[in-house]
């Protein structure tokens, strides 16, 4: 889990690394992303959504293209995919059911997302990065996309802190990091517990028996 910054979110790799950074984008993709808050299967969230909503969307295309050209000229980092993690067949089936119930309505039954509104899970290197801080943050606190002149429906993701305990969140994130063709390391339950405490996220609601 990466050190956090900007309100408990971690800054992702934006070098020209094609596998784990921003190098999979073309200059046109990045201009679109900065202008409207989404491109292909990616949708901005957290502090980046705020930056796009309040700043980048108002820049002219010349300035946006200059930013994109500079970012994509940065030498690629040495970040590589982590080895994947495999649940047992029974556990994998359980987690697919949990995904279907809690996530598929927005992220899609095959992790395809909703264009311009909800990020895809399949093929999204922000899902599989070894620095999974932002995934935990989104699960615990919820998040929303940028509201821009082009994409005015800023879809939101609710918090699951009240619904899932630390182990359930760790297992769900581990599942999506290894489903739909993805490959990522296991999310540690201790990291979820640490972030829950740091962010002041509520605990899972439980039934109290007399």
N, C-alpha and C. Protein backbone atom coordinates (compact mmCIF):
# COMPACT_ATOMS: atom_id res chain seq x y z
N UNK A 1 0.85 -1.19 0.00
CA UNK A 1 0.00 0.00 0.00
C UNK A 1 0.88 1.23 0.00
N UNK A 2 0.66 2.15 -0.93
CA UNK A 2 1.51 3.33 -1.07
C UNK A 2 1.23 4.35 0.03
N UNK A 3 2.23 5.19 0.36
CA UNK A 3 1.97 6.30 1.27
C UNK A 3 0.86 7.18 0.70
N UNK A 4 0.01 7.68 1.57
CA UNK A 4 -1.12 8.48 1.08
C UNK A 4 -0.74 9.95 0.97
N UNK A 5 -1.47 10.65 0.14
CA UNK A 5 -1.30 12.09 0.00
C UNK A 5 -2.65 12.63 -0.45
N UNK A 6 -2.80 13.95 -0.44
CA UNK A 6 -4.03 14.59 -0.94
C UNK A 6 -5.29 13.98 -0.32
N UNK A 7 -5.40 14.14 1.00
CA UNK A 7 -6.62 13.71 1.67
C UNK A 7 -6.78 12.22 1.79
N UNK A 8 -5.68 11.48 1.88
CA UNK A 8 -5.76 10.04 2.05
C UNK A 8 -5.75 9.25 0.76
N UNK A 9 -5.59 9.92 -0.37
CA UNK A 9 -5.48 9.24 -1.66
C UNK A 9 -4.00 9.17 -2.04
N UNK A 10 -3.62 8.16 -2.79
CA UNK A 10 -2.25 8.01 -3.26
C UNK A 10 -2.15 8.47 -4.71
N UNK A 11 -1.04 9.11 -5.05
CA UNK A 11 -0.82 9.57 -6.42
C UNK A 11 -0.35 8.41 -7.29
N UNK A 12 -1.05 8.12 -8.39
CA UNK A 12 -0.66 6.99 -9.24
C UNK A 12 0.50 7.33 -10.16
N UNK A 13 1.06 6.33 -10.76
CA UNK A 13 2.13 6.48 -11.75
C UNK A 13 1.56 7.17 -12.99
N UNK A 14 2.13 8.31 -13.39
CA UNK A 14 1.69 8.97 -14.61
C UNK A 14 2.83 9.07 -15.63
N UNK A 15 3.83 8.20 -15.48
CA UNK A 15 4.89 8.18 -16.49
C UNK A 15 4.37 7.47 -17.74
N UNK A 16 5.26 7.35 -18.72
CA UNK A 16 4.88 6.71 -19.98
C UNK A 16 4.90 5.19 -19.91
N UNK A 17 5.02 4.63 -18.71
CA UNK A 17 4.93 3.19 -18.50
C UNK A 17 3.58 2.70 -19.06
N UNK A 18 3.63 1.86 -20.09
CA UNK A 18 2.41 1.42 -20.77
C UNK A 18 1.61 0.41 -19.96
N UNK A 19 2.29 -0.33 -19.09
CA UNK A 19 1.63 -1.40 -18.35
C UNK A 19 0.99 -0.90 -17.06
N UNK A 20 1.69 -0.05 -16.33
CA UNK A 20 1.19 0.36 -15.02
C UNK A 20 1.07 1.88 -14.86
N UNK A 21 1.48 2.64 -15.85
CA UNK A 21 1.40 4.09 -15.78
C UNK A 21 0.37 4.65 -16.74
N UNK A 22 0.65 5.85 -17.25
CA UNK A 22 -0.28 6.52 -18.16
C UNK A 22 0.06 6.27 -19.62
N UNK A 23 1.08 5.44 -19.87
CA UNK A 23 1.55 5.24 -21.23
C UNK A 23 0.56 4.53 -22.15
N UNK A 24 -0.48 3.93 -21.59
CA UNK A 24 -1.48 3.28 -22.44
C UNK A 24 -2.34 4.32 -23.15
N UNK A 25 -2.32 5.56 -22.66
CA UNK A 25 -3.10 6.62 -23.28
C UNK A 25 -2.35 7.22 -24.46
N UNK A 26 -3.09 7.66 -25.46
CA UNK A 26 -2.53 8.50 -26.53
C UNK A 26 -2.67 9.95 -26.08
N UNK A 27 -1.99 10.89 -26.74
CA UNK A 27 -2.21 12.30 -26.39
C UNK A 27 -3.68 12.70 -26.47
N UNK A 28 -4.39 12.19 -27.48
CA UNK A 28 -5.82 12.50 -27.60
C UNK A 28 -6.61 11.97 -26.41
N UNK A 29 -6.25 10.75 -25.95
CA UNK A 29 -6.92 10.17 -24.78
C UNK A 29 -6.74 11.06 -23.56
N UNK A 30 -5.50 11.52 -23.36
CA UNK A 30 -5.23 12.31 -22.16
C UNK A 30 -5.91 13.67 -22.23
N UNK A 31 -5.93 14.27 -23.40
CA UNK A 31 -6.64 15.54 -23.55
C UNK A 31 -8.11 15.36 -23.21
N UNK A 32 -8.71 14.29 -23.71
CA UNK A 32 -10.11 14.01 -23.42
C UNK A 32 -10.33 13.80 -21.93
N UNK A 33 -9.45 13.03 -21.30
CA UNK A 33 -9.55 12.75 -19.87
C UNK A 33 -9.50 14.03 -19.05
N UNK A 34 -8.56 14.92 -19.38
CA UNK A 34 -8.42 16.17 -18.63
C UNK A 34 -9.57 17.13 -18.91
N UNK A 35 -10.15 17.04 -20.09
CA UNK A 35 -11.21 17.96 -20.48
C UNK A 35 -12.58 17.56 -19.94
N UNK A 36 -12.87 16.26 -19.99
CA UNK A 36 -14.23 15.84 -19.60
C UNK A 36 -14.26 14.91 -18.39
N UNK A 37 -13.09 14.40 -17.96
CA UNK A 37 -13.05 13.56 -16.77
C UNK A 37 -13.13 12.08 -17.04
N UNK A 38 -13.08 11.67 -18.31
CA UNK A 38 -13.15 10.25 -18.64
C UNK A 38 -12.59 10.01 -20.03
N UNK A 39 -12.09 8.81 -20.24
CA UNK A 39 -11.70 8.36 -21.57
C UNK A 39 -11.67 6.85 -21.56
N UNK A 40 -12.16 6.23 -22.62
CA UNK A 40 -12.22 4.77 -22.69
C UNK A 40 -12.86 4.23 -21.41
N UNK A 41 -12.18 3.31 -20.72
CA UNK A 41 -12.77 2.71 -19.51
C UNK A 41 -12.39 3.42 -18.23
N UNK A 42 -11.72 4.56 -18.34
CA UNK A 42 -11.23 5.25 -17.15
C UNK A 42 -12.07 6.48 -16.84
N UNK A 43 -12.40 6.65 -15.56
CA UNK A 43 -13.17 7.82 -15.09
C UNK A 43 -12.43 8.39 -13.89
N UNK A 44 -12.21 9.69 -13.89
CA UNK A 44 -11.49 10.33 -12.79
C UNK A 44 -12.31 10.29 -11.51
N UNK A 45 -11.61 10.17 -10.39
CA UNK A 45 -12.28 10.22 -9.09
C UNK A 45 -11.32 10.83 -8.07
N UNK A 46 -11.80 11.01 -6.86
CA UNK A 46 -10.95 11.56 -5.81
C UNK A 46 -10.43 12.94 -6.15
N UNK A 47 -9.24 13.29 -5.69
CA UNK A 47 -8.67 14.62 -5.95
C UNK A 47 -8.51 14.93 -7.44
N UNK A 48 -8.32 13.89 -8.28
CA UNK A 48 -8.18 14.14 -9.71
C UNK A 48 -9.50 14.62 -10.29
N UNK A 49 -10.60 14.06 -9.84
CA UNK A 49 -11.92 14.52 -10.29
C UNK A 49 -12.12 15.98 -9.90
N UNK A 50 -11.68 16.35 -8.71
CA UNK A 50 -11.80 17.74 -8.27
C UNK A 50 -10.96 18.66 -9.13
N UNK A 51 -9.74 18.22 -9.45
CA UNK A 51 -8.85 19.04 -10.28
C UNK A 51 -9.44 19.26 -11.67
N UNK A 52 -10.04 18.22 -12.24
CA UNK A 52 -10.66 18.35 -13.56
C UNK A 52 -11.89 19.24 -13.48
N UNK A 53 -12.71 19.01 -12.46
CA UNK A 53 -13.95 19.76 -12.33
C UNK A 53 -13.71 21.25 -12.14
N UNK A 54 -12.69 21.59 -11.33
CA UNK A 54 -12.48 22.99 -10.97
C UNK A 54 -11.36 23.68 -11.75
N UNK A 55 -10.61 22.92 -12.56
CA UNK A 55 -9.47 23.53 -13.23
C UNK A 55 -9.29 23.07 -14.67
N UNK A 56 -8.89 21.82 -14.86
CA UNK A 56 -8.47 21.37 -16.18
C UNK A 56 -9.53 21.54 -17.27
N UNK A 57 -10.79 21.34 -16.94
CA UNK A 57 -11.83 21.41 -17.98
C UNK A 57 -11.94 22.80 -18.60
N UNK A 58 -11.41 23.81 -17.90
CA UNK A 58 -11.51 25.18 -18.40
C UNK A 58 -10.30 25.62 -19.23
N UNK A 59 -9.29 24.77 -19.32
CA UNK A 59 -8.13 25.09 -20.15
C UNK A 59 -8.47 24.88 -21.62
N UNK A 60 -7.79 25.65 -22.49
CA UNK A 60 -8.04 25.42 -23.92
C UNK A 60 -7.27 24.20 -24.39
N UNK A 61 -7.62 23.69 -25.54
CA UNK A 61 -7.04 22.44 -26.02
C UNK A 61 -5.53 22.53 -26.20
N UNK A 62 -5.04 23.69 -26.59
CA UNK A 62 -3.59 23.86 -26.77
C UNK A 62 -2.84 23.58 -25.47
N UNK A 63 -3.35 24.12 -24.38
CA UNK A 63 -2.71 23.91 -23.08
C UNK A 63 -2.85 22.46 -22.62
N UNK A 64 -4.03 21.87 -22.83
CA UNK A 64 -4.24 20.47 -22.46
C UNK A 64 -3.31 19.56 -23.25
N UNK A 65 -3.14 19.86 -24.53
CA UNK A 65 -2.26 19.03 -25.37
C UNK A 65 -0.80 19.18 -24.94
N UNK A 66 -0.43 20.35 -24.49
CA UNK A 66 0.93 20.55 -23.99
C UNK A 66 1.17 19.71 -22.74
N UNK A 67 0.17 19.69 -21.85
CA UNK A 67 0.28 18.87 -20.64
C UNK A 67 0.41 17.39 -21.02
N UNK A 68 -0.46 16.95 -21.92
CA UNK A 68 -0.44 15.54 -22.34
C UNK A 68 0.89 15.17 -22.98
N UNK A 69 1.40 16.05 -23.82
CA UNK A 69 2.68 15.78 -24.49
C UNK A 69 3.80 15.66 -23.48
N UNK A 70 3.81 16.54 -22.49
CA UNK A 70 4.85 16.49 -21.46
C UNK A 70 4.75 15.21 -20.63
N UNK A 71 3.56 14.92 -20.13
CA UNK A 71 3.39 13.74 -19.27
C UNK A 71 3.80 12.47 -20.01
N UNK A 72 3.38 12.34 -21.25
CA UNK A 72 3.67 11.12 -22.00
C UNK A 72 5.11 11.06 -22.49
N UNK A 73 5.86 12.15 -22.27
CA UNK A 73 7.29 12.13 -22.61
C UNK A 73 8.15 11.69 -21.43
N UNK A 74 7.55 11.58 -20.26
CA UNK A 74 8.32 11.19 -19.07
C UNK A 74 8.82 9.76 -19.22
N UNK A 75 10.07 9.50 -18.89
CA UNK A 75 10.60 8.13 -19.00
C UNK A 75 9.74 7.16 -18.20
N UNK A 76 9.50 5.98 -18.72
CA UNK A 76 8.64 5.02 -18.01
C UNK A 76 9.26 4.58 -16.69
N UNK A 77 8.42 4.44 -15.69
CA UNK A 77 8.88 3.91 -14.41
C UNK A 77 9.18 2.42 -14.56
N UNK A 78 9.73 1.83 -13.52
CA UNK A 78 10.02 0.40 -13.57
C UNK A 78 8.92 -0.43 -12.90
N UNK A 79 7.77 0.18 -12.65
CA UNK A 79 6.66 -0.57 -12.05
C UNK A 79 6.19 -1.67 -12.99
N UNK A 80 5.99 -2.85 -12.44
CA UNK A 80 5.48 -3.97 -13.22
C UNK A 80 4.31 -4.60 -12.48
N UNK A 81 3.55 -5.42 -13.20
CA UNK A 81 2.44 -6.12 -12.58
C UNK A 81 2.93 -7.02 -11.46
N UNK A 82 2.18 -7.06 -10.39
CA UNK A 82 2.47 -8.01 -9.32
C UNK A 82 1.99 -9.40 -9.72
N UNK A 83 2.57 -10.43 -9.11
CA UNK A 83 2.02 -11.77 -9.35
C UNK A 83 0.56 -11.81 -8.94
N UNK A 84 -0.25 -12.50 -9.66
CA UNK A 84 -1.67 -12.59 -9.34
C UNK A 84 -1.91 -13.45 -8.11
N UNK A 85 -3.15 -13.41 -7.62
CA UNK A 85 -3.54 -14.21 -6.46
C UNK A 85 -4.74 -15.05 -6.85
N UNK A 86 -4.75 -16.29 -6.42
CA UNK A 86 -5.83 -17.21 -6.79
C UNK A 86 -6.55 -17.70 -5.54
N UNK A 87 -7.86 -17.41 -5.46
CA UNK A 87 -8.68 -17.98 -4.40
C UNK A 87 -8.98 -19.44 -4.73
N UNK A 88 -9.44 -20.18 -3.73
CA UNK A 88 -9.98 -21.51 -3.99
C UNK A 88 -11.23 -21.36 -4.85
N UNK A 89 -11.65 -22.43 -5.50
CA UNK A 89 -12.82 -22.36 -6.37
C UNK A 89 -14.07 -21.93 -5.60
N UNK A 90 -14.24 -22.47 -4.39
CA UNK A 90 -15.41 -22.12 -3.59
C UNK A 90 -15.38 -20.65 -3.19
N UNK A 91 -14.19 -20.17 -2.77
CA UNK A 91 -14.06 -18.77 -2.36
C UNK A 91 -14.23 -17.84 -3.56
N UNK A 92 -13.71 -18.22 -4.70
CA UNK A 92 -13.86 -17.41 -5.90
C UNK A 92 -15.33 -17.29 -6.29
N UNK A 93 -16.06 -18.39 -6.19
CA UNK A 93 -17.49 -18.37 -6.49
C UNK A 93 -18.23 -17.47 -5.51
N UNK A 94 -17.84 -17.53 -4.24
CA UNK A 94 -18.45 -16.67 -3.23
C UNK A 94 -18.21 -15.21 -3.53
N UNK A 95 -16.97 -14.87 -3.91
CA UNK A 95 -16.65 -13.48 -4.19
C UNK A 95 -17.29 -12.99 -5.47
N UNK A 96 -17.44 -13.87 -6.46
CA UNK A 96 -18.16 -13.45 -7.67
C UNK A 96 -19.61 -13.12 -7.32
N UNK A 97 -20.21 -13.92 -6.46
CA UNK A 97 -21.58 -13.63 -6.02
C UNK A 97 -21.63 -12.29 -5.31
N UNK A 98 -20.66 -12.03 -4.42
CA UNK A 98 -20.63 -10.75 -3.71
C UNK A 98 -20.45 -9.59 -4.68
N UNK A 99 -19.60 -9.79 -5.70
CA UNK A 99 -19.40 -8.77 -6.71
C UNK A 99 -20.70 -8.53 -7.48
N UNK A 100 -21.36 -9.61 -7.86
CA UNK A 100 -22.59 -9.50 -8.63
C UNK A 100 -23.66 -8.72 -7.85
N UNK A 101 -23.75 -8.98 -6.56
CA UNK A 101 -24.76 -8.33 -5.72
C UNK A 101 -24.42 -6.85 -5.47
N UNK A 102 -23.15 -6.57 -5.20
CA UNK A 102 -22.77 -5.24 -4.74
C UNK A 102 -22.20 -4.31 -5.80
N UNK A 103 -21.66 -4.86 -6.89
CA UNK A 103 -20.88 -4.04 -7.81
C UNK A 103 -21.34 -4.07 -9.26
N UNK A 104 -21.95 -5.17 -9.69
CA UNK A 104 -22.18 -5.38 -11.13
C UNK A 104 -23.18 -4.41 -11.73
N UNK A 105 -24.09 -3.87 -10.92
CA UNK A 105 -25.09 -2.95 -11.47
C UNK A 105 -24.43 -1.73 -12.11
N UNK A 106 -23.29 -1.32 -11.57
CA UNK A 106 -22.58 -0.16 -12.12
C UNK A 106 -21.34 -0.58 -12.92
N UNK A 107 -20.55 -1.49 -12.36
CA UNK A 107 -19.28 -1.85 -13.01
C UNK A 107 -19.44 -2.94 -14.07
N UNK A 108 -20.64 -3.54 -14.17
CA UNK A 108 -20.91 -4.51 -15.21
C UNK A 108 -20.59 -5.93 -14.81
N UNK A 109 -21.32 -6.88 -15.37
CA UNK A 109 -21.13 -8.29 -15.01
C UNK A 109 -19.78 -8.81 -15.48
N UNK A 110 -19.18 -8.15 -16.47
CA UNK A 110 -17.84 -8.53 -16.94
C UNK A 110 -16.82 -7.45 -16.63
N UNK A 111 -17.16 -6.57 -15.71
CA UNK A 111 -16.22 -5.51 -15.33
C UNK A 111 -16.03 -4.44 -16.37
N UNK A 112 -17.04 -4.26 -17.26
CA UNK A 112 -16.89 -3.34 -18.39
C UNK A 112 -17.18 -1.88 -18.04
N UNK A 113 -17.82 -1.63 -16.91
CA UNK A 113 -18.14 -0.27 -16.52
C UNK A 113 -19.21 0.35 -17.40
N UNK A 114 -19.41 1.66 -17.25
CA UNK A 114 -20.34 2.42 -18.07
C UNK A 114 -19.58 3.60 -18.65
N UNK A 115 -19.51 3.67 -19.95
CA UNK A 115 -18.71 4.69 -20.63
C UNK A 115 -19.04 6.09 -20.15
N UNK A 116 -18.02 6.82 -19.75
CA UNK A 116 -18.17 8.19 -19.32
C UNK A 116 -18.75 8.38 -17.94
N UNK A 117 -19.08 7.29 -17.25
CA UNK A 117 -19.70 7.41 -15.93
C UNK A 117 -19.02 6.56 -14.87
N UNK A 118 -18.82 5.29 -15.17
CA UNK A 118 -18.30 4.35 -14.18
C UNK A 118 -17.06 3.66 -14.76
N UNK A 119 -15.95 3.68 -14.04
CA UNK A 119 -14.73 3.07 -14.59
C UNK A 119 -14.86 1.57 -14.78
N UNK A 120 -14.23 1.08 -15.83
CA UNK A 120 -14.17 -0.36 -16.04
C UNK A 120 -13.22 -0.97 -15.03
N UNK A 121 -13.46 -2.21 -14.69
CA UNK A 121 -12.54 -2.98 -13.84
C UNK A 121 -11.61 -3.80 -14.73
N UNK A 122 -12.18 -4.39 -15.77
CA UNK A 122 -11.38 -5.20 -16.69
C UNK A 122 -10.38 -4.32 -17.43
N UNK A 123 -9.12 -4.73 -17.41
CA UNK A 123 -8.10 -4.03 -18.18
C UNK A 123 -7.73 -2.66 -17.66
N UNK A 124 -8.06 -2.35 -16.42
CA UNK A 124 -7.77 -1.04 -15.84
C UNK A 124 -6.57 -1.17 -14.91
N UNK A 125 -5.44 -0.57 -15.30
CA UNK A 125 -4.23 -0.76 -14.49
C UNK A 125 -4.28 -0.02 -13.16
N UNK A 126 -5.28 0.84 -12.96
CA UNK A 126 -5.46 1.46 -11.65
C UNK A 126 -6.09 0.47 -10.66
N UNK A 127 -6.66 -0.58 -11.20
CA UNK A 127 -7.22 -1.64 -10.36
C UNK A 127 -6.12 -2.59 -9.90
N UNK A 128 -5.16 -2.84 -10.77
CA UNK A 128 -4.16 -3.88 -10.49
C UNK A 128 -2.84 -3.35 -9.96
N UNK A 129 -2.68 -2.03 -9.86
CA UNK A 129 -1.44 -1.50 -9.33
C UNK A 129 -1.15 -2.06 -7.95
N UNK A 130 0.13 -2.23 -7.65
CA UNK A 130 0.49 -2.75 -6.33
C UNK A 130 0.11 -1.76 -5.23
N UNK A 131 -0.06 -0.50 -5.59
CA UNK A 131 -0.45 0.51 -4.61
C UNK A 131 -1.97 0.64 -4.63
N UNK A 132 -2.61 -0.17 -3.79
CA UNK A 132 -4.07 -0.27 -3.85
C UNK A 132 -4.78 0.64 -2.84
N UNK A 133 -4.05 1.63 -2.34
CA UNK A 133 -4.61 2.57 -1.37
C UNK A 133 -5.94 3.16 -1.83
N UNK A 134 -5.98 3.60 -3.09
CA UNK A 134 -7.17 4.31 -3.58
C UNK A 134 -8.39 3.40 -3.67
N UNK A 135 -8.16 2.11 -3.92
CA UNK A 135 -9.27 1.17 -3.95
C UNK A 135 -9.91 1.04 -2.57
N UNK A 136 -9.06 0.95 -1.55
CA UNK A 136 -9.57 0.85 -0.18
C UNK A 136 -10.32 2.14 0.18
N UNK A 137 -9.73 3.27 -0.19
CA UNK A 137 -10.34 4.56 0.11
C UNK A 137 -11.74 4.64 -0.50
N UNK A 138 -11.87 4.24 -1.76
CA UNK A 138 -13.16 4.30 -2.43
C UNK A 138 -14.18 3.39 -1.77
N UNK A 139 -13.76 2.21 -1.35
CA UNK A 139 -14.67 1.27 -0.70
C UNK A 139 -15.13 1.80 0.67
N UNK A 140 -14.22 2.41 1.39
CA UNK A 140 -14.55 2.87 2.74
C UNK A 140 -15.33 4.18 2.76
N UNK A 141 -14.99 5.09 1.85
CA UNK A 141 -15.55 6.44 1.92
C UNK A 141 -16.47 6.78 0.75
N UNK A 142 -16.45 5.94 -0.28
CA UNK A 142 -17.19 6.29 -1.48
C UNK A 142 -16.44 7.35 -2.27
N UNK A 143 -16.89 7.61 -3.48
CA UNK A 143 -16.25 8.63 -4.31
C UNK A 143 -17.22 9.01 -5.42
N UNK A 144 -16.86 10.01 -6.20
CA UNK A 144 -17.69 10.37 -7.34
C UNK A 144 -16.83 10.88 -8.48
N UNK A 145 -17.40 10.84 -9.67
CA UNK A 145 -16.70 11.32 -10.85
C UNK A 145 -16.76 12.84 -10.92
N UNK A 146 -15.99 13.40 -11.85
CA UNK A 146 -16.00 14.86 -12.03
C UNK A 146 -17.28 15.31 -12.73
N UNK A 147 -17.77 16.46 -12.34
CA UNK A 147 -18.90 17.09 -13.03
C UNK A 147 -18.31 18.10 -14.01
N UNK A 148 -18.45 17.84 -15.30
CA UNK A 148 -17.89 18.73 -16.31
C UNK A 148 -18.99 19.18 -17.27
N UNK A 149 -18.65 20.16 -18.09
CA UNK A 149 -19.63 20.67 -19.03
C UNK A 149 -20.07 19.59 -20.02
N UNK A 150 -19.17 18.67 -20.33
CA UNK A 150 -19.49 17.60 -21.28
C UNK A 150 -20.19 16.44 -20.59
N UNK A 151 -19.67 16.04 -19.43
CA UNK A 151 -20.27 14.94 -18.67
C UNK A 151 -20.87 15.50 -17.39
N UNK A 152 -22.13 15.86 -17.47
CA UNK A 152 -22.76 16.52 -16.34
C UNK A 152 -23.33 15.56 -15.31
N UNK A 153 -23.44 14.29 -15.65
CA UNK A 153 -23.89 13.30 -14.68
C UNK A 153 -22.67 12.70 -14.00
N UNK A 154 -22.33 13.26 -12.86
CA UNK A 154 -21.15 12.80 -12.13
C UNK A 154 -21.56 11.61 -11.26
N UNK A 155 -21.42 10.43 -11.79
CA UNK A 155 -21.84 9.23 -11.07
C UNK A 155 -21.07 9.08 -9.77
N UNK A 156 -21.75 8.59 -8.75
CA UNK A 156 -21.11 8.42 -7.46
C UNK A 156 -21.08 6.97 -7.01
N UNK A 157 -20.07 6.63 -6.24
CA UNK A 157 -19.97 5.30 -5.64
C UNK A 157 -20.20 5.46 -4.14
N UNK A 158 -21.11 4.70 -3.56
CA UNK A 158 -21.37 4.83 -2.13
C UNK A 158 -20.28 4.17 -1.29
N UNK A 159 -20.24 4.52 -0.03
CA UNK A 159 -19.35 3.85 0.91
C UNK A 159 -19.89 2.46 1.24
N UNK A 160 -18.98 1.50 1.37
CA UNK A 160 -19.36 0.16 1.80
C UNK A 160 -18.85 -0.13 3.21
N UNK A 161 -18.36 0.90 3.89
CA UNK A 161 -17.81 0.70 5.24
C UNK A 161 -18.85 0.13 6.19
N UNK A 162 -20.09 0.59 6.06
CA UNK A 162 -21.16 0.15 6.97
C UNK A 162 -21.63 -1.27 6.65
N UNK A 163 -21.36 -1.73 5.41
CA UNK A 163 -21.91 -3.00 4.93
C UNK A 163 -20.90 -4.14 4.98
N UNK A 164 -19.62 -3.82 4.88
CA UNK A 164 -18.58 -4.85 4.85
C UNK A 164 -17.55 -4.59 5.94
N UNK A 165 -17.07 -5.66 6.56
CA UNK A 165 -15.98 -5.50 7.51
C UNK A 165 -14.65 -5.51 6.76
N UNK A 166 -13.55 -5.38 7.49
CA UNK A 166 -12.24 -5.24 6.85
C UNK A 166 -11.90 -6.45 5.99
N UNK A 167 -12.20 -7.64 6.49
CA UNK A 167 -11.88 -8.85 5.73
C UNK A 167 -12.71 -8.92 4.45
N UNK A 168 -13.97 -8.56 4.54
CA UNK A 168 -14.83 -8.61 3.35
C UNK A 168 -14.37 -7.62 2.28
N UNK A 169 -13.95 -6.43 2.71
CA UNK A 169 -13.44 -5.45 1.75
C UNK A 169 -12.14 -5.94 1.13
N UNK A 170 -11.25 -6.48 1.95
CA UNK A 170 -9.98 -7.00 1.42
C UNK A 170 -10.22 -8.11 0.41
N UNK A 171 -11.15 -8.99 0.71
CA UNK A 171 -11.44 -10.10 -0.21
C UNK A 171 -12.09 -9.61 -1.50
N UNK A 172 -13.01 -8.65 -1.40
CA UNK A 172 -13.65 -8.12 -2.60
C UNK A 172 -12.64 -7.46 -3.52
N UNK A 173 -11.75 -6.64 -2.93
CA UNK A 173 -10.75 -5.97 -3.75
C UNK A 173 -9.75 -6.95 -4.34
N UNK A 174 -9.39 -7.96 -3.57
CA UNK A 174 -8.50 -9.00 -4.11
C UNK A 174 -9.16 -9.70 -5.28
N UNK A 175 -10.46 -9.95 -5.16
CA UNK A 175 -11.18 -10.61 -6.25
C UNK A 175 -11.15 -9.78 -7.52
N UNK A 176 -11.54 -8.49 -7.44
CA UNK A 176 -11.60 -7.69 -8.66
C UNK A 176 -10.22 -7.44 -9.25
N UNK A 177 -9.18 -7.50 -8.41
CA UNK A 177 -7.82 -7.33 -8.91
C UNK A 177 -7.32 -8.57 -9.67
N UNK A 178 -8.10 -9.63 -9.59
CA UNK A 178 -7.71 -10.87 -10.27
C UNK A 178 -8.82 -11.46 -11.13
N UNK A 179 -9.89 -10.70 -11.33
CA UNK A 179 -11.00 -11.14 -12.18
C UNK A 179 -10.96 -10.41 -13.51
N UNK A 180 -11.71 -10.92 -14.49
CA UNK A 180 -11.87 -10.25 -15.78
C UNK A 180 -10.52 -10.03 -16.48
N UNK A 181 -9.63 -10.99 -16.33
CA UNK A 181 -8.32 -10.89 -16.98
C UNK A 181 -7.29 -10.09 -16.21
N UNK A 182 -7.64 -9.60 -15.02
CA UNK A 182 -6.70 -8.81 -14.22
C UNK A 182 -5.72 -9.71 -13.48
N UNK A 183 -4.67 -9.07 -12.99
CA UNK A 183 -3.64 -9.79 -12.24
C UNK A 183 -3.05 -8.83 -11.21
N UNK A 184 -3.31 -9.11 -9.94
CA UNK A 184 -2.81 -8.23 -8.88
C UNK A 184 -2.59 -9.00 -7.60
N UNK A 185 -1.83 -8.41 -6.71
CA UNK A 185 -1.52 -9.05 -5.43
C UNK A 185 -2.74 -9.01 -4.51
N UNK A 186 -2.67 -9.78 -3.46
CA UNK A 186 -3.76 -9.84 -2.49
C UNK A 186 -3.79 -8.57 -1.65
N UNK A 187 -4.95 -8.03 -1.38
CA UNK A 187 -5.10 -6.87 -0.51
C UNK A 187 -5.08 -7.34 0.94
N UNK A 188 -4.25 -6.72 1.74
CA UNK A 188 -4.07 -7.14 3.12
C UNK A 188 -5.17 -6.54 4.01
N UNK A 189 -5.75 -7.39 4.84
CA UNK A 189 -6.82 -6.93 5.72
C UNK A 189 -6.30 -5.88 6.70
N UNK A 190 -5.03 -5.98 7.09
CA UNK A 190 -4.45 -4.99 8.01
C UNK A 190 -4.40 -3.60 7.38
N UNK A 191 -4.21 -3.56 6.06
CA UNK A 191 -4.19 -2.27 5.37
C UNK A 191 -5.59 -1.64 5.36
N UNK A 192 -6.61 -2.47 5.21
CA UNK A 192 -7.98 -1.97 5.24
C UNK A 192 -8.29 -1.43 6.64
N UNK A 193 -7.91 -2.18 7.66
CA UNK A 193 -8.18 -1.76 9.04
C UNK A 193 -7.46 -0.45 9.36
N UNK A 194 -6.23 -0.33 8.88
CA UNK A 194 -5.45 0.89 9.12
C UNK A 194 -6.13 2.10 8.47
N UNK A 195 -6.56 1.95 7.23
CA UNK A 195 -7.20 3.06 6.54
C UNK A 195 -8.56 3.39 7.13
N UNK A 196 -9.28 2.38 7.58
CA UNK A 196 -10.58 2.64 8.22
C UNK A 196 -10.37 3.55 9.43
N UNK A 197 -9.34 3.27 10.19
CA UNK A 197 -9.05 4.07 11.38
C UNK A 197 -8.59 5.47 10.98
N UNK A 198 -7.67 5.56 10.02
CA UNK A 198 -7.12 6.85 9.60
C UNK A 198 -8.20 7.76 9.01
N UNK A 199 -9.12 7.18 8.26
CA UNK A 199 -10.15 7.97 7.60
C UNK A 199 -11.38 8.22 8.47
N UNK A 200 -11.43 7.53 9.59
CA UNK A 200 -12.60 7.67 10.46
C UNK A 200 -13.84 7.06 9.84
N UNK A 201 -13.65 6.05 9.00
CA UNK A 201 -14.79 5.39 8.37
C UNK A 201 -15.55 4.57 9.41
N UNK A 202 -16.85 4.49 9.24
CA UNK A 202 -17.65 3.78 10.22
C UNK A 202 -17.40 2.28 10.16
N UNK A 203 -17.75 1.60 11.21
CA UNK A 203 -17.63 0.14 11.26
C UNK A 203 -18.86 -0.49 10.62
N UNK A 204 -18.74 -1.75 10.24
CA UNK A 204 -19.86 -2.48 9.67
C UNK A 204 -21.01 -2.55 10.67
N UNK A 205 -22.20 -2.37 10.17
CA UNK A 205 -23.40 -2.47 11.01
C UNK A 205 -23.64 -3.94 11.34
N UNK A 206 -23.87 -4.23 12.59
CA UNK A 206 -24.16 -5.60 13.01
C UNK A 206 -25.45 -5.63 13.83
N UNK A 207 -26.08 -6.78 13.84
CA UNK A 207 -27.27 -6.95 14.67
C UNK A 207 -26.86 -7.21 16.11
N UNK A 208 -27.49 -6.51 17.02
CA UNK A 208 -27.21 -6.71 18.42
C UNK A 208 -28.29 -7.60 19.02
N UNK A 209 -27.87 -8.75 19.53
CA UNK A 209 -28.83 -9.70 20.11
C UNK A 209 -28.91 -9.51 21.61
N UNK A 210 -30.12 -9.61 22.13
CA UNK A 210 -30.31 -9.47 23.59
C UNK A 210 -29.68 -10.65 24.31
